[in-house]
C-alpha cells in the first residue's frame, strides 16, 4: 500500500501558475466598470436635472373636491 502512494506521488502533474489575468476576470472587470459608470452617470444627470428643471405643476383641484373640503371645514363642533 505504501509503495502505491509513493509511486503515485511521483506521478503528480505540476501545473504552472498563470502570470496574468484570466479572460473571465477581464470580462468581469469590464462589465463592473460599465455598470459603475452607468450608475454614476445616472446620478450626475439626476442631480443636474434637480437643479435646472422647474418644479412640476400641481394638478388643479376639481370643483367636487373643493365643495367637499369646504363642507368638512364648515362643519365644526358646537361651542368652538
PDB file of N, CA and C in Angstrom:
ATOM      1  N   UNK A   1       0.818  -1.186   0.000  1.00  0.00           N
ATOM      2  CA  UNK A   1       0.000   0.000   0.000  1.00  0.00           C
ATOM      3  C   UNK A   1       0.868   1.259   0.000  1.00  0.00           C
ATOM      4  N   UNK A   2       1.863   1.255   0.867  1.00  0.00           N
ATOM      5  CA  UNK A   2       2.733   2.417   0.976  1.00  0.00           C
ATOM      6  C   UNK A   2       3.479   2.646  -0.327  1.00  0.00           C
ATOM      7  N   UNK A   3       3.803   1.543  -1.037  1.00  0.00           N
ATOM      8  CA  UNK A   3       4.514   1.690  -2.302  1.00  0.00           C
ATOM      9  C   UNK A   3       3.634   2.352  -3.359  1.00  0.00           C
ATOM     10  N   UNK A   4       2.346   2.045  -3.329  1.00  0.00           N
ATOM     11  CA  UNK A   4       1.433   2.664  -4.306  1.00  0.00           C
ATOM     12  C   UNK A   4       1.371   4.178  -4.092  1.00  0.00           C
ATOM     13  N   UNK A   5       1.296   4.592  -2.829  1.00  0.00           N
ATOM     14  CA  UNK A   5       1.243   6.024  -2.558  1.00  0.00           C
ATOM     15  C   UNK A   5       2.547   6.713  -2.954  1.00  0.00           C
ATOM     16  N   UNK A   6       3.637   6.051  -2.755  1.00  0.00           N
ATOM     17  CA  UNK A   6       4.935   6.619  -3.112  1.00  0.00           C
ATOM     18  C   UNK A   6       5.049   6.751  -4.623  1.00  0.00           C
ATOM     19  N   UNK A   7       4.567   5.737  -5.362  1.00  0.00           N
ATOM     20  CA  UNK A   7       4.621   5.802  -6.815  1.00  0.00           C
ATOM     21  C   UNK A   7       3.678   6.868  -7.361  1.00  0.00           C
ATOM     22  N   UNK A   8       2.479   6.969  -6.752  1.00  0.00           N
ATOM     23  CA  UNK A   8       1.527   7.954  -7.242  1.00  0.00           C
ATOM     24  C   UNK A   8       1.979   9.372  -6.915  1.00  0.00           C
ATOM     25  N   UNK A   9       2.769   9.537  -5.888  1.00  0.00           N
ATOM     26  CA  UNK A   9       3.272  10.866  -5.554  1.00  0.00           C
ATOM     27  C   UNK A   9       4.223  11.358  -6.630  1.00  0.00           C
ATOM     28  N   UNK A  10       4.937  10.436  -7.263  1.00  0.00           N
ATOM     29  CA  UNK A  10       5.865  10.831  -8.322  1.00  0.00           C
ATOM     30  C   UNK A  10       5.137  11.174  -9.616  1.00  0.00           C
ATOM     31  N   UNK A  11       3.912  10.715  -9.769  1.00  0.00           N
ATOM     32  CA  UNK A  11       3.159  10.943 -11.000  1.00  0.00           C
ATOM     33  C   UNK A  11       2.319  12.225 -10.966  1.00  0.00           C
ATOM     34  N   UNK A  12       2.427  13.016  -9.930  1.00  0.00           N
ATOM     35  CA  UNK A  12       1.615  14.231  -9.818  1.00  0.00           C
ATOM     36  C   UNK A  12       2.092  15.237 -10.855  1.00  0.00           C
ATOM     37  N   UNK A  13       1.144  15.784 -11.577  1.00  0.00           N
ATOM     38  CA  UNK A  13       1.473  16.779 -12.605  1.00  0.00           C
ATOM     39  C   UNK A  13       1.460  18.159 -11.950  1.00  0.00           C
ATOM     40  N   UNK A  14       2.531  18.862 -12.112  1.00  0.00           N
ATOM     41  CA  UNK A  14       2.633  20.210 -11.542  1.00  0.00           C
ATOM     42  C   UNK A  14       2.246  21.206 -12.634  1.00  0.00           C
ATOM     43  N   UNK A  15       1.196  21.989 -12.364  1.00  0.00           N
ATOM     44  CA  UNK A  15       0.748  22.973 -13.350  1.00  0.00           C
ATOM     45  C   UNK A  15       1.445  24.301 -13.086  1.00  0.00           C
ATOM     46  N   UNK A  16       1.746  24.986 -14.153  1.00  0.00           N
ATOM     47  CA  UNK A  16       2.344  26.310 -13.999  1.00  0.00           C
ATOM     48  C   UNK A  16       1.251  27.300 -13.634  1.00  0.00           C
ATOM     49  N   UNK A  17       1.596  28.225 -12.776  1.00  0.00           N
ATOM     50  CA  UNK A  17       0.638  29.246 -12.362  1.00  0.00           C
ATOM     51  C   UNK A  17       0.577  30.319 -13.431  1.00  0.00           C
ATOM     52  N   UNK A  18      -0.662  30.702 -13.797  1.00  0.00           N
ATOM     53  CA  UNK A  18      -0.832  31.755 -14.797  1.00  0.00           C
ATOM     54  C   UNK A  18      -0.310  33.073 -14.248  1.00  0.00           C
ATOM     55  N   UNK A  19       0.482  33.758 -15.028  1.00  0.00           N
ATOM     56  CA  UNK A  19       1.075  35.011 -14.568  1.00  0.00           C
ATOM     57  C   UNK A  19       0.308  36.209 -15.117  1.00  0.00           C
ATOM     58  N   UNK A  20      -0.992  36.127 -15.218  1.00  0.00           N
ATOM     59  CA  UNK A  20      -1.782  37.237 -15.714  1.00  0.00           C
ATOM     60  C   UNK A  20      -3.229  37.059 -15.328  1.00  0.00           C
ATOM     61  N   UNK A  21      -4.051  37.935 -15.874  1.00  0.00           N
ATOM     62  CA  UNK A  21      -5.479  37.836 -15.588  1.00  0.00           C
ATOM     63  C   UNK A  21      -6.120  36.857 -16.564  1.00  0.00           C
ATOM     64  N   UNK A  22      -6.958  36.016 -16.037  1.00  0.00           N
ATOM     65  CA  UNK A  22      -7.654  35.095 -16.926  1.00  0.00           C
ATOM     66  C   UNK A  22      -8.803  35.824 -17.627  1.00  0.00           C
ATOM     67  N   UNK A  23      -9.293  35.325 -18.740  1.00  0.00           N
ATOM     68  CA  UNK A  23     -10.330  36.024 -19.514  1.00  0.00           C
ATOM     69  C   UNK A  23     -11.612  36.281 -18.730  1.00  0.00           C
ATOM     70  N   UNK A  24     -11.983  35.360 -17.845  1.00  0.00           N
ATOM     71  CA  UNK A  24     -13.187  35.574 -17.040  1.00  0.00           C
ATOM     72  C   UNK A  24     -13.070  36.792 -16.150  1.00  0.00           C
ATOM     73  N   UNK A  25     -11.893  36.989 -15.569  1.00  0.00           N
ATOM     74  CA  UNK A  25     -11.677  38.145 -14.697  1.00  0.00           C
ATOM     75  C   UNK A  25     -11.710  39.445 -15.500  1.00  0.00           C
ATOM     76  N   UNK A  26     -11.166  39.416 -16.708  1.00  0.00           N
ATOM     77  CA  UNK A  26     -11.180  40.611 -17.565  1.00  0.00           C
ATOM     78  C   UNK A  26     -12.616  40.987 -17.911  1.00  0.00           C
ATOM     79  N   UNK A  27     -13.426  40.005 -18.290  1.00  0.00           N
ATOM     80  CA  UNK A  27     -14.834  40.271 -18.622  1.00  0.00           C
ATOM     81  C   UNK A  27     -15.566  40.827 -17.407  1.00  0.00           C
ATOM     82  N   UNK A  28     -15.317  40.236 -16.244  1.00  0.00           N
ATOM     83  CA  UNK A  28     -15.955  40.709 -15.020  1.00  0.00           C
ATOM     84  C   UNK A  28     -15.578  42.154 -14.710  1.00  0.00           C
ATOM     85  N   UNK A  29     -14.321  42.485 -14.862  1.00  0.00           N
ATOM     86  CA  UNK A  29     -13.879  43.857 -14.608  1.00  0.00           C
ATOM     87  C   UNK A  29     -14.495  44.844 -15.594  1.00  0.00           C
ATOM     88  N   UNK A  30     -14.575  44.468 -16.869  1.00  0.00           N
ATOM     89  CA  UNK A  30     -15.157  45.360 -17.879  1.00  0.00           C
ATOM     90  C   UNK A  30     -16.634  45.591 -17.598  1.00  0.00           C
ATOM     91  N   UNK A  31     -17.382  44.537 -17.294  1.00  0.00           N
ATOM     92  CA  UNK A  31     -18.812  44.674 -17.015  1.00  0.00           C
ATOM     93  C   UNK A  31     -19.033  45.505 -15.752  1.00  0.00           C
ATOM     94  N   UNK A  32     -18.241  45.246 -14.721  1.00  0.00           N
ATOM     95  CA  UNK A  32     -18.380  46.006 -13.474  1.00  0.00           C
ATOM     96  C   UNK A  32     -18.058  47.478 -13.704  1.00  0.00           C
ATOM     97  N   UNK A  33     -17.064  47.776 -14.530  1.00  0.00           N
ATOM     98  CA  UNK A  33     -16.709  49.162 -14.837  1.00  0.00           C
ATOM     99  C   UNK A  33     -17.840  49.859 -15.570  1.00  0.00           C
ATOM    100  N   UNK A  34     -18.430  49.184 -16.550  1.00  0.00           N
ATOM    101  CA  UNK A  34     -19.534  49.792 -17.284  1.00  0.00           C
ATOM    102  C   UNK A  34     -20.743  50.036 -16.376  1.00  0.00           C
ATOM    103  N   UNK A  35     -21.038  49.086 -15.501  1.00  0.00           N
ATOM    104  CA  UNK A  35     -22.152  49.276 -14.562  1.00  0.00           C
ATOM    105  C   UNK A  35     -21.894  50.459 -13.638  1.00  0.00           C
ATOM    106  N   UNK A  36     -20.693  50.556 -13.136  1.00  0.00           N
ATOM    107  CA  UNK A  36     -20.346  51.664 -12.245  1.00  0.00           C
ATOM    108  C   UNK A  36     -20.470  52.999 -12.972  1.00  0.00           C
ATOM    109  N   UNK A  37     -19.952  53.072 -14.192  1.00  0.00           N
ATOM    110  CA  UNK A  37     -20.063  54.306 -14.978  1.00  0.00           C
ATOM    111  C   UNK A  37     -21.521  54.647 -15.264  1.00  0.00           C
ATOM    112  N   UNK A  38     -22.339  53.638 -15.544  1.00  0.00           N
ATOM    113  CA  UNK A  38     -23.757  53.861 -15.825  1.00  0.00           C
ATOM    114  C   UNK A  38     -24.458  54.479 -14.621  1.00  0.00           C
ATOM    115  N   UNK A  39     -24.241  53.894 -13.431  1.00  0.00           N
ATOM    116  CA  UNK A  39     -24.907  54.403 -12.244  1.00  0.00           C
ATOM    117  C   UNK A  39     -24.392  55.779 -11.841  1.00  0.00           C
ATOM    118  N   UNK A  40     -23.099  56.016 -11.970  1.00  0.00           N
ATOM    119  CA  UNK A  40     -22.540  57.337 -11.643  1.00  0.00           C
ATOM    120  C   UNK A  40     -23.078  58.381 -12.621  1.00  0.00           C
ATOM    121  N   UNK A  41     -23.166  58.023 -13.900  1.00  0.00           N
ATOM    122  CA  UNK A  41     -23.704  58.960 -14.893  1.00  0.00           C
ATOM    123  C   UNK A  41     -25.163  59.274 -14.646  1.00  0.00           C
ATOM    124  N   UNK A  42     -25.945  58.253 -14.301  1.00  0.00           N
ATOM    125  CA  UNK A  42     -27.356  58.493 -13.996  1.00  0.00           C
ATOM    126  C   UNK A  42     -27.518  59.399 -12.787  1.00  0.00           C
ATOM    127  N   UNK A  43     -26.710  59.188 -11.779  1.00  0.00           N
ATOM    128  CA  UNK A  43     -26.795  60.021 -10.574  1.00  0.00           C
ATOM    129  C   UNK A  43     -26.419  61.467 -10.903  1.00  0.00           C
ATOM    130  N   UNK A  44     -25.385  61.654 -11.734  1.00  0.00           N
ATOM    131  CA  UNK A  44     -24.976  63.002 -12.127  1.00  0.00           C
ATOM    132  C   UNK A  44     -26.092  63.685 -12.920  1.00  0.00           C
ATOM    133  N   UNK A  45     -26.725  62.962 -13.846  1.00  0.00           N
ATOM    134  CA  UNK A  45     -27.839  63.547 -14.599  1.00  0.00           C
ATOM    135  C   UNK A  45     -29.020  63.877 -13.696  1.00  0.00           C
ATOM    136  N   UNK A  46     -29.272  63.019 -12.717  1.00  0.00           N
ATOM    137  CA  UNK A  46     -30.362  63.265 -11.769  1.00  0.00           C
ATOM    138  C   UNK A  46     -30.098  64.553 -10.984  1.00  0.00           C
ATOM    139  N   UNK A  47     -28.884  64.729 -10.496  1.00  0.00           N
ATOM    140  CA  UNK A  47     -28.556  65.948  -9.748  1.00  0.00           C
ATOM    141  C   UNK A  47     -28.668  67.178 -10.646  1.00  0.00           C
ATOM    142  N   UNK A  48     -28.195  67.069 -11.875  1.00  0.00           N
ATOM    143  CA  UNK A  48     -28.275  68.182 -12.816  1.00  0.00           C
ATOM    144  C   UNK A  48     -29.732  68.548 -13.099  1.00  0.00           C
ATOM    145  N   UNK A  49     -30.584  67.538 -13.285  1.00  0.00           N
ATOM    146  CA  UNK A  49     -31.991  67.789 -13.578  1.00  0.00           C
ATOM    147  C   UNK A  49     -32.688  68.413 -12.375  1.00  0.00           C
ATOM    148  N   UNK A  50     -32.320  68.002 -11.168  1.00  0.00           N
ATOM    149  CA  UNK A  50     -32.939  68.568  -9.976  1.00  0.00           C
ATOM    150  C   UNK A  50     -32.625  70.052  -9.852  1.00  0.00           C
ATOM    151  N   UNK A  51     -31.434  70.448 -10.274  1.00  0.00           N
ATOM    152  CA  UNK A  51     -31.035  71.855 -10.162  1.00  0.00           C
ATOM    153  C   UNK A  51     -31.648  72.711 -11.267  1.00  0.00           C
ATOM    154  N   UNK A  52     -31.754  72.175 -12.465  1.00  0.00           N
ATOM    155  CA  UNK A  52     -32.106  73.022 -13.615  1.00  0.00           C
ATOM    156  C   UNK A  52     -33.583  72.987 -13.991  1.00  0.00           C
ATOM    157  N   UNK A  53     -34.260  71.851 -13.804  1.00  0.00           N
ATOM    158  CA  UNK A  53     -35.656  71.767 -14.231  1.00  0.00           C
ATOM    159  C   UNK A  53     -36.567  72.474 -13.234  1.00  0.00           C
ATOM    160  N   UNK A  54     -37.609  73.138 -13.717  1.00  0.00           N
ATOM    161  CA  UNK A  54     -38.554  73.750 -12.787  1.00  0.00           C
ATOM    162  C   UNK A  54     -39.381  72.679 -12.085  1.00  0.00           C
ATOM    163  N   UNK A  55     -39.935  73.014 -10.922  1.00  0.00           N
ATOM    164  CA  UNK A  55     -40.751  72.010 -10.231  1.00  0.00           C
ATOM    165  C   UNK A  55     -42.015  71.695 -11.021  1.00  0.00           C
ATOM    166  N   UNK A  56     -42.549  70.494 -10.803  1.00  0.00           N
ATOM    167  CA  UNK A  56     -43.752  70.083 -11.519  1.00  0.00           C
ATOM    168  C   UNK A  56     -44.947  70.905 -11.061  1.00  0.00           C
ATOM    169  N   UNK A  57     -45.842  71.189 -11.994  1.00  0.00           N
ATOM    170  CA  UNK A  57     -47.061  71.915 -11.654  1.00  0.00           C
ATOM    171  C   UNK A  57     -48.050  70.967 -10.991  1.00  0.00           C
ATOM    172  N   UNK A  58     -48.769  71.488 -10.003  1.00  0.00           N
ATOM    173  CA  UNK A  58     -49.768  70.663  -9.334  1.00  0.00           C
ATOM    174  C   UNK A  58     -51.013  70.590 -10.198  1.00  0.00           C
ATOM    175  N   UNK A  59     -51.701  69.466 -10.126  1.00  0.00           N
ATOM    176  CA  UNK A  59     -52.939  69.312 -10.871  1.00  0.00           C
ATOM    177  C   UNK A  59     -54.006  70.203 -10.248  1.00  0.00           C
ATOM    178  N   UNK A  60     -54.876  70.807 -11.065  1.00  0.00           N
ATOM    179  CA  UNK A  60     -55.946  71.618 -10.489  1.00  0.00           C
ATOM    180  C   UNK A  60     -56.938  70.743  -9.717  1.00  0.00           C
ATOM    181  N   UNK A  61     -57.433  71.279  -8.621  1.00  0.00           N
ATOM    182  CA  UNK A  61     -58.378  70.543  -7.791  1.00  0.00           C
ATOM    183  C   UNK A  61     -59.766  70.691  -8.412  1.00  0.00           C
ATOM    184  N   UNK A  62     -60.505  69.588  -8.482  1.00  0.00           N
ATOM    185  CA  UNK A  62     -61.828  69.623  -9.102  1.00  0.00           C
ATOM    186  C   UNK A  62     -62.821  70.345  -8.186  1.00  0.00           C
ATOM    187  N   UNK A  63     -63.921  70.789  -8.781  1.00  0.00           N
ATOM    188  CA  UNK A  63     -64.937  71.526  -8.015  1.00  0.00           C
ATOM    189  C   UNK A  63     -65.574  70.638  -6.947  1.00  0.00           C
ATOM    190  N   UNK A  64     -65.753  69.379  -7.262  1.00  0.00           N
ATOM    191  CA  UNK A  64     -66.332  68.458  -6.281  1.00  0.00           C
ATOM    192  C   UNK A  64     -65.456  68.375  -5.031  1.00  0.00           C
ATOM    193  N   UNK A  65     -64.163  68.262  -5.254  1.00  0.00           N
ATOM    194  CA  UNK A  65     -63.250  68.170  -4.117  1.00  0.00           C
ATOM    195  C   UNK A  65     -63.259  69.468  -3.318  1.00  0.00           C
ATOM    196  N   UNK A  66     -63.349  70.609  -4.008  1.00  0.00           N
ATOM    197  CA  UNK A  66     -63.407  71.882  -3.297  1.00  0.00           C
ATOM    198  C   UNK A  66     -64.653  71.951  -2.422  1.00  0.00           C
ATOM    199  N   UNK A  67     -65.784  71.509  -2.952  1.00  0.00           N
ATOM    200  CA  UNK A  67     -67.028  71.525  -2.179  1.00  0.00           C
ATOM    201  C   UNK A  67     -66.916  70.620  -0.957  1.00  0.00           C
ATOM    202  N   UNK A  68     -66.360  69.439  -1.145  1.00  0.00           N
ATOM    203  CA  UNK A  68     -66.201  68.510  -0.023  1.00  0.00           C
ATOM    204  C   UNK A  68     -65.329  69.113   1.067  1.00  0.00           C
ATOM    205  N   UNK A  69     -64.215  69.742   0.663  1.00  0.00           N
ATOM    206  CA  UNK A  69     -63.317  70.349   1.649  1.00  0.00           C
ATOM    207  C   UNK A  69     -64.005  71.485   2.390  1.00  0.00           C
ATOM    208  N   UNK A  70     -64.790  72.295   1.682  1.00  0.00           N
ATOM    209  CA  UNK A  70     -65.498  73.400   2.331  1.00  0.00           C
ATOM    210  C   UNK A  70     -66.522  72.868   3.323  1.00  0.00           C
ATOM    211  N   UNK A  71     -67.236  71.783   2.945  1.00  0.00           N
ATOM    212  CA  UNK A  71     -68.207  71.197   3.863  1.00  0.00           C
ATOM    213  C   UNK A  71     -67.524  70.637   5.099  1.00  0.00           C
ATOM    214  N   UNK A  72     -66.385  69.976   4.914  1.00  0.00           N
ATOM    215  CA  UNK A  72     -65.660  69.418   6.054  1.00  0.00           C
ATOM    216  C   UNK A  72     -65.178  70.527   6.985  1.00  0.00           C
ATOM    217  N   UNK A  73     -64.691  71.609   6.419  1.00  0.00           N
ATOM    218  CA  UNK A  73     -64.190  72.708   7.252  1.00  0.00           C
ATOM    219  C   UNK A  73     -65.322  73.470   7.891  1.00  0.00           C
ATOM    220  N   UNK A  74     -66.475  73.557   7.194  1.00  0.00           N
ATOM    221  CA  UNK A  74     -67.610  74.325   7.709  1.00  0.00           C
ATOM    222  C   UNK A  74     -68.289  73.643   8.880  1.00  0.00           C
ATOM    223  N   UNK A  75     -68.265  72.342   8.906  1.00  0.00           N
ATOM    224  CA  UNK A  75     -68.907  71.619   9.992  1.00  0.00           C
ATOM    225  C   UNK A  75     -67.929  71.553  11.146  1.00  0.00           C
ATOM    226  N   UNK A  76     -68.289  72.229  12.229  1.00  0.00           N
ATOM    227  CA  UNK A  76     -67.413  72.213  13.399  1.00  0.00           C
ATOM    228  C   UNK A  76     -68.237  71.861  14.630  1.00  0.00           C
ATOM    229  N   UNK A  77     -67.545  71.467  15.631  1.00  0.00           N
ATOM    230  CA  UNK A  77     -68.239  71.093  16.870  1.00  0.00           C
ATOM    231  C   UNK A  77     -68.848  72.339  17.509  1.00  0.00           C
ATOM    232  N   UNK A  78     -70.041  72.193  18.111  1.00  0.00           N
ATOM    233  CA  UNK A  78     -70.662  73.368  18.736  1.00  0.00           C
ATOM    234  C   UNK A  78     -69.815  73.866  19.911  1.00  0.00           C
ATOM    235  N   UNK A  79     -69.787  75.200  20.041  1.00  0.00           N
ATOM    236  CA  UNK A  79     -69.010  75.803  21.106  1.00  0.00           C
ATOM    237  C   UNK A  79     -67.627  76.249  20.681  1.00  0.00           C
ATOM    238  N   UNK A  80     -67.215  75.926  19.476  1.00  0.00           N
ATOM    239  CA  UNK A  80     -65.881  76.336  19.031  1.00  0.00           C
ATOM    240  C   UNK A  80     -65.961  77.637  18.277  1.00  0.00           C
TER     241      UNK A  80
END
